[in-house]
Amino acid sequence: MSRSPFLSLVLHVLLASVPLVAAPAALADAPLVVLDRTQLPFDLGPGHPANRPSRAGNSPNAAWNSAGNTANTAAAAENRPSHPANQGRLIFTSDGEVRGYYAPNAGGVLNLFDISGRRIAYRPARGTRSLFTTSGAWCGTVDDLRGGGFVLAVTPECARLFAN
């Protein structure tokens, strides 16, 4: 999938406004940007059929997305905050504050954790770039960055989950 003009603009503004934060960050680190969902293109928003929380593959009850799947818990070694790989997969705000980290599971689901290791959200393995909270609410979208990593554009409600 190609980068949307909206997220390209968000990324450009983010990186231009925080050069000291963006420059030293590892390629795999992910900036967290708060979005206005009314400004998203239809194909990235929750109204698009592929991004709807009601879609079976997006459900928190789907096997690979489920909190009951040990591959999605902080108890799994690869999901712990102390795991060396997660030290290079940080989620940070525009002011440089680290809010969490991400860890993919073997099924391709991208799990987002806060700094204490609590699972906040996930991106299903296939069919969408949308993020969903662990309760299944639409939370935002993911866009790949050239050179590695990605930007996480989330709703204000989702961003607050990382602050708790």
C-alpha atoms as a PDB file:
ATOM      1  CA  MET A   1       0.000   0.000   0.000  1.00  0.00           C
ATOM      2  CA  SER A   2       1.284   3.454  -0.790  1.00  0.00           C
ATOM      3  CA  ARG A   3       1.514   6.184   1.788  1.00  0.00           C
ATOM      4  CA  SER A   4      -1.555   8.389   1.947  1.00  0.00           C
ATOM      5  CA  PRO A   5      -1.133  12.118   1.306  1.00  0.00           C
ATOM      6  CA  PHE A   6      -2.645  12.819   4.749  1.00  0.00           C
ATOM      7  CA  LEU A   7      -0.125  10.719   6.640  1.00  0.00           C
ATOM      8  CA  SER A   8       2.727  11.976   4.473  1.00  0.00           C
ATOM      9  CA  LEU A   9       1.761  15.511   5.481  1.00  0.00           C
ATOM     10  CA  VAL A  10       1.452  14.537   9.157  1.00  0.00           C
ATOM     11  CA  LEU A  11       4.855  12.870   9.043  1.00  0.00           C
ATOM     12  CA  HIS A  12       6.427  15.848   7.250  1.00  0.00           C
ATOM     13  CA  VAL A  13       5.054  18.268   9.852  1.00  0.00           C
ATOM     14  CA  LEU A  14       6.065  15.999  12.724  1.00  0.00           C
ATOM     15  CA  LEU A  15       9.627  15.513  11.523  1.00  0.00           C
ATOM     16  CA  ALA A  16      10.054  19.182  10.599  1.00  0.00           C
ATOM     17  CA  SER A  17       8.823  20.355  13.986  1.00  0.00           C
ATOM     18  CA  VAL A  18      10.975  18.054  16.099  1.00  0.00           C
ATOM     19  CA  PRO A  19      14.297  17.577  14.311  1.00  0.00           C
ATOM     20  CA  LEU A  20      16.199  16.925  17.519  1.00  0.00           C
ATOM     21  CA  VAL A  21      13.809  14.145  18.475  1.00  0.00           C
ATOM     22  CA  ALA A  22      13.503  12.541  15.057  1.00  0.00           C
ATOM     23  CA  ALA A  23      17.160  12.612  14.096  1.00  0.00           C
ATOM     24  CA  PRO A  24      18.623  10.404  16.846  1.00  0.00           C
ATOM     25  CA  ALA A  25      15.691   7.960  16.919  1.00  0.00           C
ATOM     26  CA  ALA A  26      16.398   4.490  15.614  1.00  0.00           C
ATOM     27  CA  LEU A  27      14.856   3.599  12.271  1.00  0.00           C
ATOM     28  CA  ALA A  28      12.439   1.242  13.975  1.00  0.00           C
ATOM     29  CA  ASP A  29      11.095   3.764  16.498  1.00  0.00           C
ATOM     30  CA  ALA A  30       7.525   4.926  15.865  1.00  0.00           C
ATOM     31  CA  PRO A  31       6.253   8.484  16.342  1.00  0.00           C
ATOM     32  CA  LEU A  32       2.802   8.731  17.921  1.00  0.00           C
ATOM     33  CA  VAL A  33       0.645  11.443  16.326  1.00  0.00           C
ATOM     34  CA  VAL A  34      -2.843  12.415  17.478  1.00  0.00           C
ATOM     35  CA  LEU A  35      -5.239  12.630  14.538  1.00  0.00           C
ATOM     36  CA  ASP A  36      -8.566  14.212  13.798  1.00  0.00           C
ATOM     37  CA  ARG A  37     -10.516  11.287  12.379  1.00  0.00           C
ATOM     38  CA  THR A  38     -12.804  13.654  10.469  1.00  0.00           C
ATOM     39  CA  GLN A  39      -9.777  14.689   8.375  1.00  0.00           C
ATOM     40  CA  LEU A  40      -8.769  11.138   7.419  1.00  0.00           C
ATOM     41  CA  PRO A  41      -9.329   9.884   3.895  1.00  0.00           C
ATOM     42  CA  PHE A  42     -12.172   7.353   3.785  1.00  0.00           C
ATOM     43  CA  ASP A  43      -9.833   4.432   3.025  1.00  0.00           C
ATOM     44  CA  LEU A  44      -7.962   4.981   6.316  1.00  0.00           C
ATOM     45  CA  GLY A  45     -10.934   5.666   8.586  1.00  0.00           C
ATOM     46  CA  PRO A  46     -13.212   3.372  10.556  1.00  0.00           C
ATOM     47  CA  GLY A  47     -16.046   3.699   8.018  1.00  0.00           C
ATOM     48  CA  HIS A  48     -14.164   1.761   5.341  1.00  0.00           C
ATOM     49  CA  PRO A  49     -15.303  -1.913   5.343  1.00  0.00           C
ATOM     50  CA  ALA A  50     -11.738  -3.217   5.863  1.00  0.00           C
ATOM     51  CA  ASN A  51     -11.256  -0.969   8.906  1.00  0.00           C
ATOM     52  CA  ARG A  52     -14.521  -1.551  10.721  1.00  0.00           C
ATOM     53  CA  PRO A  53     -14.255  -2.977  14.219  1.00  0.00           C
ATOM     54  CA  SER A  54     -17.147  -5.313  13.327  1.00  0.00           C
ATOM     55  CA  ARG A  55     -15.060  -7.048  10.622  1.00  0.00           C
ATOM     56  CA  ALA A  56     -14.237 -10.564  11.854  1.00  0.00           C
ATOM     57  CA  GLY A  57     -10.494 -10.223  11.207  1.00  0.00           C
ATOM     58  CA  ASN A  58     -10.356  -7.017  13.256  1.00  0.00           C
ATOM     59  CA  SER A  59     -12.182  -8.411  16.272  1.00  0.00           C
ATOM     60  CA  PRO A  60     -10.370  -8.687  19.608  1.00  0.00           C
ATOM     61  CA  ASN A  61     -11.839 -12.201  19.732  1.00  0.00           C
ATOM     62  CA  ALA A  62     -10.091 -13.350  16.532  1.00  0.00           C
ATOM     63  CA  ALA A  63      -7.482 -15.949  17.460  1.00  0.00           C
ATOM     64  CA  TRP A  64      -4.354 -13.938  16.589  1.00  0.00           C
ATOM     65  CA  ASN A  65      -5.770 -10.671  18.024  1.00  0.00           C
ATOM     66  CA  SER A  66      -7.076 -12.152  21.254  1.00  0.00           C
ATOM     67  CA  ALA A  67      -5.790 -11.115  24.669  1.00  0.00           C
ATOM     68  CA  GLY A  68      -6.075 -14.817  25.510  1.00  0.00           C
ATOM     69  CA  ASN A  69      -3.410 -15.651  22.926  1.00  0.00           C
ATOM     70  CA  THR A  70      -0.127 -15.852  24.854  1.00  0.00           C
ATOM     71  CA  ALA A  71       1.665 -14.291  21.870  1.00  0.00           C
ATOM     72  CA  ASN A  72      -0.112 -11.020  22.759  1.00  0.00           C
ATOM     73  CA  THR A  73       0.640 -10.829  26.480  1.00  0.00           C
ATOM     74  CA  ALA A  74       3.411  -9.037  28.321  1.00  0.00           C
ATOM     75  CA  ALA A  75       4.176 -12.406  29.934  1.00  0.00           C
ATOM     76  CA  ALA A  76       5.684 -13.559  26.631  1.00  0.00           C
ATOM     77  CA  ALA A  77       9.417 -12.831  26.721  1.00  0.00           C
ATOM     78  CA  GLU A  78       9.394 -11.093  23.332  1.00  0.00           C
ATOM     79  CA  ASN A  79       6.665  -8.690  24.526  1.00  0.00           C
ATOM     80  CA  ARG A  80       8.308  -7.569  27.761  1.00  0.00           C
ATOM     81  CA  PRO A  81       9.559  -3.996  28.094  1.00  0.00           C
ATOM     82  CA  SER A  82      12.990  -5.364  29.010  1.00  0.00           C
ATOM     83  CA  HIS A  83      13.351  -7.460  25.842  1.00  0.00           C
ATOM     84  CA  PRO A  84      16.322  -6.058  23.867  1.00  0.00           C
ATOM     85  CA  ALA A  85      14.391  -5.864  20.575  1.00  0.00           C
ATOM     86  CA  ASN A  86      11.710  -3.695  22.180  1.00  0.00           C
ATOM     87  CA  GLN A  87      14.325  -1.144  23.240  1.00  0.00           C
ATOM     88  CA  GLY A  88      14.606  -0.323  19.523  1.00  0.00           C
ATOM     89  CA  ARG A  89      10.846  -0.263  18.860  1.00  0.00           C
ATOM     90  CA  LEU A  90       9.834   2.695  20.968  1.00  0.00           C
ATOM     91  CA  ILE A  91       6.648   4.713  20.567  1.00  0.00           C
ATOM     92  CA  PHE A  92       7.321   8.396  21.230  1.00  0.00           C
ATOM     93  CA  THR A  93       5.465  11.710  21.121  1.00  0.00           C
ATOM     94  CA  SER A  94       6.492  14.851  19.232  1.00  0.00           C
ATOM     95  CA  ASP A  95       8.122  16.206  22.404  1.00  0.00           C
ATOM     96  CA  GLY A  96      10.291  13.087  22.651  1.00  0.00           C
ATOM     97  CA  GLU A  97       8.433  11.403  25.502  1.00  0.00           C
ATOM     98  CA  VAL A  98       8.499   7.614  25.238  1.00  0.00           C
ATOM     99  CA  ARG A  99       4.960   6.285  25.681  1.00  0.00           C
ATOM    100  CA  GLY A 100       5.510   2.606  24.944  1.00  0.00           C
ATOM    101  CA  TYR A 101       6.820   0.103  22.435  1.00  0.00           C
ATOM    102  CA  TYR A 102       5.512  -2.274  19.823  1.00  0.00           C
ATOM    103  CA  ALA A 103       6.091  -5.971  19.266  1.00  0.00           C
ATOM    104  CA  PRO A 104       4.857  -8.114  16.379  1.00  0.00           C
ATOM    105  CA  ASN A 105       3.588 -11.610  17.113  1.00  0.00           C
ATOM    106  CA  ALA A 106       4.248 -14.744  15.046  1.00  0.00           C
ATOM    107  CA  GLY A 107       0.871 -14.390  13.312  1.00  0.00           C
ATOM    108  CA  GLY A 108       1.713 -10.915  12.010  1.00  0.00           C
ATOM    109  CA  VAL A 109      -0.328  -8.906  14.520  1.00  0.00           C
ATOM    110  CA  LEU A 110       1.356  -5.707  15.663  1.00  0.00           C
ATOM    111  CA  ASN A 111       0.878  -5.242  19.412  1.00  0.00           C
ATOM    112  CA  LEU A 112       1.287  -1.837  21.058  1.00  0.00           C
ATOM    113  CA  PHE A 113       2.234  -1.716  24.735  1.00  0.00           C
ATOM    114  CA  ASP A 114       2.613   1.151  27.191  1.00  0.00           C
ATOM    115  CA  ILE A 115       5.931   1.564  29.016  1.00  0.00           C
ATOM    116  CA  SER A 116       4.864  -0.775  31.810  1.00  0.00           C
ATOM    117  CA  GLY A 117       4.045  -3.598  29.386  1.00  0.00           C
ATOM    118  CA  ARG A 118       0.252  -3.247  29.322  1.00  0.00           C
ATOM    119  CA  ARG A 119      -1.194  -4.064  25.896  1.00  0.00           C
ATOM    120  CA  ILE A 120      -3.007  -0.967  24.616  1.00  0.00           C
ATOM    121  CA  ALA A 121      -3.847  -1.742  20.994  1.00  0.00           C
ATOM    122  CA  TYR A 122      -3.152  -4.014  18.041  1.00  0.00           C
ATOM    123  CA  ARG A 123      -3.117  -3.966  14.258  1.00  0.00           C
ATOM    124  CA  PRO A 124      -4.500  -7.183  12.782  1.00  0.00           C
ATOM    125  CA  ALA A 125      -2.153  -9.184  10.558  1.00  0.00           C
ATOM    126  CA  ARG A 126      -4.093  -8.793   7.313  1.00  0.00           C
ATOM    127  CA  GLY A 127      -6.610  -6.634   5.526  1.00  0.00           C
ATOM    128  CA  THR A 128      -6.210  -3.306   7.329  1.00  0.00           C
ATOM    129  CA  ARG A 129      -3.725  -0.708   8.531  1.00  0.00           C
ATOM    130  CA  SER A 130      -6.091   0.276  11.330  1.00  0.00           C
ATOM    131  CA  LEU A 131      -5.335  -0.009  15.023  1.00  0.00           C
ATOM    132  CA  PHE A 132      -7.875  -1.274  17.541  1.00  0.00           C
ATOM    133  CA  THR A 133      -7.942  -1.082  21.330  1.00  0.00           C
ATOM    134  CA  THR A 134      -7.925  -4.337  23.255  1.00  0.00           C
ATOM    135  CA  SER A 135     -11.705  -3.908  23.653  1.00  0.00           C
ATOM    136  CA  GLY A 136     -12.073  -3.656  19.864  1.00  0.00           C
ATOM    137  CA  ALA A 137     -12.663   0.087  19.375  1.00  0.00           C
ATOM    138  CA  TRP A 138     -11.115   1.736  16.313  1.00  0.00           C
ATOM    139  CA  CYS A 139      -8.010   3.536  17.558  1.00  0.00           C
ATOM    140  CA  GLY A 140      -6.139   4.912  14.544  1.00  0.00           C
ATOM    141  CA  THR A 141      -3.973   3.881  11.632  1.00  0.00           C
ATOM    142  CA  VAL A 142      -0.390   2.904  10.795  1.00  0.00           C
ATOM    143  CA  ASP A 143       1.723   4.183   7.913  1.00  0.00           C
ATOM    144  CA  ASP A 144       5.147   2.877   6.907  1.00  0.00           C
ATOM    145  CA  LEU A 145       8.101   5.244   6.863  1.00  0.00           C
ATOM    146  CA  ARG A 146      10.662   5.143   4.113  1.00  0.00           C
ATOM    147  CA  GLY A 147      13.798   3.549   5.486  1.00  0.00           C
ATOM    148  CA  GLY A 148      11.989   1.490   8.127  1.00  0.00           C
ATOM    149  CA  GLY A 149       9.612   1.945  10.998  1.00  0.00           C
ATOM    150  CA  PHE A 150       6.244   3.665  10.806  1.00  0.00           C
ATOM    151  CA  VAL A 151       4.088   6.422  12.225  1.00  0.00           C
ATOM    152  CA  LEU A 152       1.141   5.672  14.501  1.00  0.00           C
ATOM    153  CA  ALA A 153      -1.701   8.150  13.954  1.00  0.00           C
ATOM    154  CA  VAL A 154      -4.213   7.634  16.777  1.00  0.00           C
ATOM    155  CA  THR A 155      -7.374   9.203  18.150  1.00  0.00           C
ATOM    156  CA  PRO A 156      -7.113  11.399  21.249  1.00  0.00           C
ATOM    157  CA  GLU A 157      -8.877   8.649  23.222  1.00  0.00           C
ATOM    158  CA  CYS A 158      -6.289   6.085  22.161  1.00  0.00           C
ATOM    159  CA  ALA A 159      -3.380   8.453  22.862  1.00  0.00           C
ATOM    160  CA  ARG A 160      -4.681   8.881  26.431  1.00  0.00           C
ATOM    161  CA  LEU A 161      -4.447   5.120  26.949  1.00  0.00           C
ATOM    162  CA  PHE A 162      -0.662   5.399  26.536  1.00  0.00           C
ATOM    163  CA  ALA A 163      -0.506   8.132  29.188  1.00  0.00           C
ATOM    164  CA  ASN A 164      -2.088   6.071  31.990  1.00  0.00           C
END
